[in-house]
Amino acid sequence: MDHPLMDLISAKIAEAEKNGEFDNLPGAGKPLPPEDDPENALLRRVMQENNAVPPFIALGRELEKLREELRQTTDAVSRKDIMKEMSMMEARIAIARKGWTG
């Protein structure tokens, strides 16, 4: 089943072509740049344009903060709690990375 707006979209594209709105676009007639991971190219571009990072990167940054906190903590109980958090964070990173790569 087609999208309900397919006819409208097609009409808008045809109108833009008729008006020459696609003429002289940068890169027209040139091959697309090589892409290592074409399945995720759009997602990666959208994330980059919005200064977003994959979840496992954000979690990795949190893990680094925990490591720094551990380095600065001398209390044994606090160190144990931080190490538990770090262990959980590492598991979350592994899950997020697996989900990211499929």
N, C-alpha and C. Protein backbone atom coordinates (compact mmCIF):
# COMPACT_ATOMS: atom_id res chain seq x y z
N MET A 1 0.85 -1.18 0.00
CA MET A 1 0.00 0.00 0.00
C MET A 1 0.89 1.24 0.00
N ASP A 2 0.56 2.16 -0.88
CA ASP A 2 1.32 3.40 -0.97
C ASP A 2 0.98 4.33 0.19
N HIS A 3 1.89 5.23 0.43
CA HIS A 3 1.68 6.24 1.46
C HIS A 3 0.52 7.14 1.02
N PRO A 4 -0.33 7.58 1.92
CA PRO A 4 -1.48 8.41 1.55
C PRO A 4 -1.09 9.72 0.86
N LEU A 5 0.10 10.19 1.11
CA LEU A 5 0.52 11.45 0.50
C LEU A 5 1.36 11.25 -0.76
N MET A 6 1.47 10.01 -1.26
CA MET A 6 2.33 9.72 -2.41
C MET A 6 1.96 10.55 -3.63
N ASP A 7 0.69 10.70 -3.93
CA ASP A 7 0.28 11.49 -5.10
C ASP A 7 0.68 12.96 -4.94
N LEU A 8 0.49 13.50 -3.74
CA LEU A 8 0.86 14.89 -3.49
C LEU A 8 2.38 15.07 -3.60
N ILE A 9 3.13 14.13 -3.04
CA ILE A 9 4.59 14.20 -3.11
C ILE A 9 5.06 14.14 -4.55
N SER A 10 4.51 13.21 -5.31
CA SER A 10 4.88 13.08 -6.73
C SER A 10 4.55 14.35 -7.50
N ALA A 11 3.41 14.94 -7.21
CA ALA A 11 3.02 16.18 -7.90
C ALA A 11 3.98 17.32 -7.56
N LYS A 12 4.37 17.42 -6.30
CA LYS A 12 5.31 18.48 -5.88
C LYS A 12 6.67 18.30 -6.55
N ILE A 13 7.13 17.05 -6.65
CA ILE A 13 8.41 16.78 -7.30
C ILE A 13 8.32 17.12 -8.78
N ALA A 14 7.25 16.71 -9.43
CA ALA A 14 7.07 17.01 -10.86
C ALA A 14 7.03 18.51 -11.10
N GLU A 15 6.35 19.24 -10.23
CA GLU A 15 6.28 20.70 -10.34
C GLU A 15 7.67 21.33 -10.17
N ALA A 16 8.42 20.85 -9.20
CA ALA A 16 9.77 21.38 -8.98
C ALA A 16 10.67 21.08 -10.17
N GLU A 17 10.55 19.89 -10.75
CA GLU A 17 11.33 19.56 -11.95
C GLU A 17 10.96 20.48 -13.11
N LYS A 18 9.66 20.70 -13.29
CA LYS A 18 9.17 21.57 -14.37
C LYS A 18 9.69 22.99 -14.21
N ASN A 19 9.78 23.46 -12.96
CA ASN A 19 10.25 24.82 -12.69
C ASN A 19 11.77 24.93 -12.66
N GLY A 20 12.46 23.81 -12.89
CA GLY A 20 13.92 23.84 -12.93
C GLY A 20 14.59 23.93 -11.57
N GLU A 21 13.86 23.58 -10.52
CA GLU A 21 14.43 23.69 -9.18
C GLU A 21 15.51 22.65 -8.89
N PHE A 22 15.60 21.63 -9.74
CA PHE A 22 16.64 20.62 -9.56
C PHE A 22 17.83 20.85 -10.50
N ASP A 23 17.75 21.89 -11.33
CA ASP A 23 18.85 22.21 -12.25
C ASP A 23 20.00 22.85 -11.49
N ASN A 24 21.20 22.54 -11.89
CA ASN A 24 22.41 23.16 -11.35
C ASN A 24 22.60 22.95 -9.84
N LEU A 25 22.17 21.82 -9.34
CA LEU A 25 22.41 21.51 -7.93
C LEU A 25 23.88 21.15 -7.75
N PRO A 26 24.47 21.48 -6.60
CA PRO A 26 25.87 21.10 -6.37
C PRO A 26 26.03 19.58 -6.46
N GLY A 27 27.02 19.16 -7.20
CA GLY A 27 27.29 17.73 -7.33
C GLY A 27 26.46 17.04 -8.40
N ALA A 28 25.62 17.79 -9.12
CA ALA A 28 24.78 17.17 -10.14
C ALA A 28 25.65 16.50 -11.19
N GLY A 29 25.30 15.28 -11.55
CA GLY A 29 26.03 14.55 -12.57
C GLY A 29 27.29 13.88 -12.07
N LYS A 30 27.63 14.08 -10.82
CA LYS A 30 28.84 13.47 -10.24
C LYS A 30 28.43 12.25 -9.44
N PRO A 31 29.34 11.28 -9.34
CA PRO A 31 28.98 10.09 -8.52
C PRO A 31 28.87 10.45 -7.05
N LEU A 32 28.08 9.69 -6.36
CA LEU A 32 27.95 9.88 -4.92
C LEU A 32 29.27 9.50 -4.25
N PRO A 33 29.60 10.17 -3.15
CA PRO A 33 30.84 9.81 -2.46
C PRO A 33 30.76 8.38 -1.93
N PRO A 34 31.90 7.70 -1.85
CA PRO A 34 31.86 6.33 -1.34
C PRO A 34 31.36 6.29 0.10
N GLU A 35 30.65 5.25 0.43
CA GLU A 35 30.07 5.12 1.76
C GLU A 35 30.39 3.73 2.30
N ASP A 36 31.04 3.70 3.46
CA ASP A 36 31.41 2.43 4.07
C ASP A 36 30.21 1.65 4.58
N ASP A 37 29.20 2.38 5.05
CA ASP A 37 28.04 1.74 5.66
C ASP A 37 26.77 2.39 5.12
N PRO A 38 26.39 2.04 3.89
CA PRO A 38 25.24 2.72 3.27
C PRO A 38 23.93 2.56 4.03
N GLU A 39 23.76 1.46 4.76
CA GLU A 39 22.51 1.25 5.49
C GLU A 39 22.31 2.29 6.58
N ASN A 40 23.40 2.78 7.16
CA ASN A 40 23.29 3.75 8.26
C ASN A 40 23.74 5.15 7.87
N ALA A 41 23.96 5.39 6.59
CA ALA A 41 24.47 6.69 6.13
C ALA A 41 23.54 7.83 6.51
N LEU A 42 22.25 7.67 6.27
CA LEU A 42 21.31 8.75 6.58
C LEU A 42 21.24 9.00 8.08
N LEU A 43 21.16 7.94 8.85
CA LEU A 43 21.11 8.08 10.30
C LEU A 43 22.36 8.79 10.81
N ARG A 44 23.52 8.38 10.30
CA ARG A 44 24.78 9.00 10.73
C ARG A 44 24.81 10.48 10.36
N ARG A 45 24.33 10.82 9.15
CA ARG A 45 24.33 12.22 8.72
C ARG A 45 23.39 13.07 9.59
N VAL A 46 22.21 12.56 9.87
CA VAL A 46 21.25 13.29 10.71
C VAL A 46 21.83 13.51 12.11
N MET A 47 22.45 12.47 12.65
CA MET A 47 23.04 12.60 13.98
C MET A 47 24.17 13.63 13.97
N GLN A 48 24.99 13.59 12.93
CA GLN A 48 26.11 14.53 12.84
C GLN A 48 25.60 15.96 12.72
N GLU A 49 24.59 16.17 11.90
CA GLU A 49 24.05 17.51 11.71
C GLU A 49 23.41 18.06 12.98
N ASN A 50 23.00 17.17 13.88
CA ASN A 50 22.34 17.59 15.11
C ASN A 50 23.24 17.42 16.33
N ASN A 51 24.52 17.21 16.08
CA ASN A 51 25.51 17.03 17.16
C ASN A 51 25.11 15.93 18.13
N ALA A 52 24.50 14.89 17.61
CA ALA A 52 24.09 13.75 18.43
C ALA A 52 25.17 12.68 18.36
N VAL A 53 25.18 11.81 19.34
CA VAL A 53 26.13 10.70 19.35
C VAL A 53 25.36 9.41 19.61
N PRO A 54 25.91 8.29 19.15
CA PRO A 54 25.25 7.02 19.45
C PRO A 54 25.18 6.80 20.96
N PRO A 55 24.18 6.07 21.42
CA PRO A 55 24.02 5.86 22.86
C PRO A 55 25.25 5.29 23.54
N PHE A 56 25.96 4.37 22.87
CA PHE A 56 27.12 3.77 23.52
C PHE A 56 28.25 4.77 23.70
N ILE A 57 28.31 5.81 22.87
CA ILE A 57 29.32 6.86 23.04
C ILE A 57 28.97 7.70 24.27
N ALA A 58 27.70 8.09 24.39
CA ALA A 58 27.26 8.88 25.54
C ALA A 58 27.48 8.10 26.83
N LEU A 59 27.17 6.81 26.81
CA LEU A 59 27.39 5.97 27.99
C LEU A 59 28.87 5.84 28.31
N GLY A 60 29.69 5.77 27.27
CA GLY A 60 31.14 5.70 27.47
C GLY A 60 31.66 6.95 28.16
N ARG A 61 31.09 8.08 27.84
CA ARG A 61 31.49 9.32 28.50
C ARG A 61 31.11 9.29 29.98
N GLU A 62 29.93 8.74 30.28
CA GLU A 62 29.52 8.60 31.68
C GLU A 62 30.45 7.64 32.41
N LEU A 63 30.86 6.57 31.73
CA LEU A 63 31.78 5.61 32.33
C LEU A 63 33.12 6.27 32.65
N GLU A 64 33.58 7.12 31.77
CA GLU A 64 34.85 7.82 32.03
C GLU A 64 34.73 8.73 33.26
N LYS A 65 33.58 9.36 33.44
CA LYS A 65 33.37 10.18 34.64
C LYS A 65 33.41 9.32 35.90
N LEU A 66 32.81 8.13 35.82
CA LEU A 66 32.86 7.21 36.96
C LEU A 66 34.29 6.78 37.26
N ARG A 67 35.06 6.53 36.22
CA ARG A 67 36.46 6.15 36.43
C ARG A 67 37.24 7.27 37.13
N GLU A 68 36.97 8.49 36.71
CA GLU A 68 37.64 9.63 37.36
C GLU A 68 37.20 9.76 38.81
N GLU A 69 35.92 9.56 39.05
CA GLU A 69 35.40 9.60 40.43
C GLU A 69 36.06 8.51 41.27
N LEU A 70 36.24 7.34 40.69
CA LEU A 70 36.89 6.24 41.41
C LEU A 70 38.34 6.59 41.75
N ARG A 71 39.04 7.22 40.81
CA ARG A 71 40.43 7.61 41.07
C ARG A 71 40.54 8.60 42.22
N GLN A 72 39.53 9.43 42.39
CA GLN A 72 39.58 10.47 43.41
C GLN A 72 38.97 10.04 44.75
N THR A 73 38.38 8.86 44.81
CA THR A 73 37.70 8.40 46.02
C THR A 73 38.59 7.44 46.80
N THR A 74 38.67 7.69 48.09
CA THR A 74 39.48 6.81 48.94
C THR A 74 38.64 5.95 49.87
N ASP A 75 37.40 6.33 50.08
CA ASP A 75 36.52 5.57 50.96
C ASP A 75 36.18 4.23 50.32
N ALA A 76 36.41 3.14 51.04
CA ALA A 76 36.23 1.79 50.51
C ALA A 76 34.79 1.52 50.08
N VAL A 77 33.83 1.96 50.89
CA VAL A 77 32.42 1.71 50.57
C VAL A 77 32.03 2.48 49.31
N SER A 78 32.45 3.72 49.23
CA SER A 78 32.14 4.52 48.04
C SER A 78 32.80 3.92 46.80
N ARG A 79 34.03 3.46 46.93
CA ARG A 79 34.74 2.85 45.80
C ARG A 79 33.98 1.60 45.31
N LYS A 80 33.48 0.82 46.26
CA LYS A 80 32.74 -0.39 45.90
C LYS A 80 31.47 -0.02 45.13
N ASP A 81 30.76 1.01 45.60
CA ASP A 81 29.54 1.47 44.92
C ASP A 81 29.85 1.97 43.51
N ILE A 82 30.94 2.71 43.38
CA ILE A 82 31.32 3.24 42.06
C ILE A 82 31.67 2.08 41.12
N MET A 83 32.39 1.09 41.63
CA MET A 83 32.76 -0.06 40.79
C MET A 83 31.53 -0.84 40.34
N LYS A 84 30.50 -0.92 41.20
CA LYS A 84 29.25 -1.56 40.80
C LYS A 84 28.60 -0.77 39.66
N GLU A 85 28.56 0.56 39.83
CA GLU A 85 28.01 1.41 38.77
C GLU A 85 28.78 1.25 37.47
N MET A 86 30.11 1.17 37.58
CA MET A 86 30.94 1.01 36.39
C MET A 86 30.64 -0.32 35.69
N SER A 87 30.46 -1.36 36.47
CA SER A 87 30.15 -2.67 35.90
C SER A 87 28.82 -2.63 35.15
N MET A 88 27.83 -2.02 35.77
CA MET A 88 26.52 -1.88 35.11
C MET A 88 26.63 -1.02 33.86
N MET A 89 27.42 0.05 33.93
CA MET A 89 27.59 0.93 32.79
C MET A 89 28.25 0.19 31.63
N GLU A 90 29.25 -0.64 31.94
CA GLU A 90 29.91 -1.42 30.89
C GLU A 90 28.93 -2.38 30.22
N ALA A 91 28.04 -2.97 31.00
CA ALA A 91 27.01 -3.85 30.43
C ALA A 91 26.06 -3.06 29.54
N ARG A 92 25.66 -1.88 29.99
CA ARG A 92 24.76 -1.04 29.19
C ARG A 92 25.44 -0.62 27.89
N ILE A 93 26.73 -0.33 27.95
CA ILE A 93 27.48 0.04 26.74
C ILE A 93 27.50 -1.13 25.76
N ALA A 94 27.76 -2.32 26.26
CA ALA A 94 27.79 -3.51 25.39
C ALA A 94 26.44 -3.73 24.72
N ILE A 95 25.37 -3.56 25.47
CA ILE A 95 24.01 -3.72 24.91
C ILE A 95 23.74 -2.64 23.88
N ALA A 96 24.08 -1.41 24.18
CA ALA A 96 23.85 -0.30 23.26
C ALA A 96 24.66 -0.48 21.98
N ARG A 97 25.91 -0.93 22.12
CA ARG A 97 26.76 -1.14 20.95
C ARG A 97 26.19 -2.24 20.08
N LYS A 98 25.72 -3.32 20.71
CA LYS A 98 25.13 -4.43 19.95
C LYS A 98 23.88 -3.95 19.22
N GLY A 99 23.07 -3.15 19.89
CA GLY A 99 21.87 -2.61 19.24
C GLY A 99 22.19 -1.67 18.11
N TRP A 100 23.29 -0.96 18.22
CA TRP A 100 23.69 0.00 17.19
C TRP A 100 24.16 -0.70 15.92
N THR A 101 24.92 -1.78 16.09
CA THR A 101 25.50 -2.46 14.94
C THR A 101 24.58 -3.53 14.38
N GLY A 102 23.53 -3.85 15.12
CA GLY A 102 22.57 -4.83 14.61
C GLY A 102 22.97 -6.15 14.96
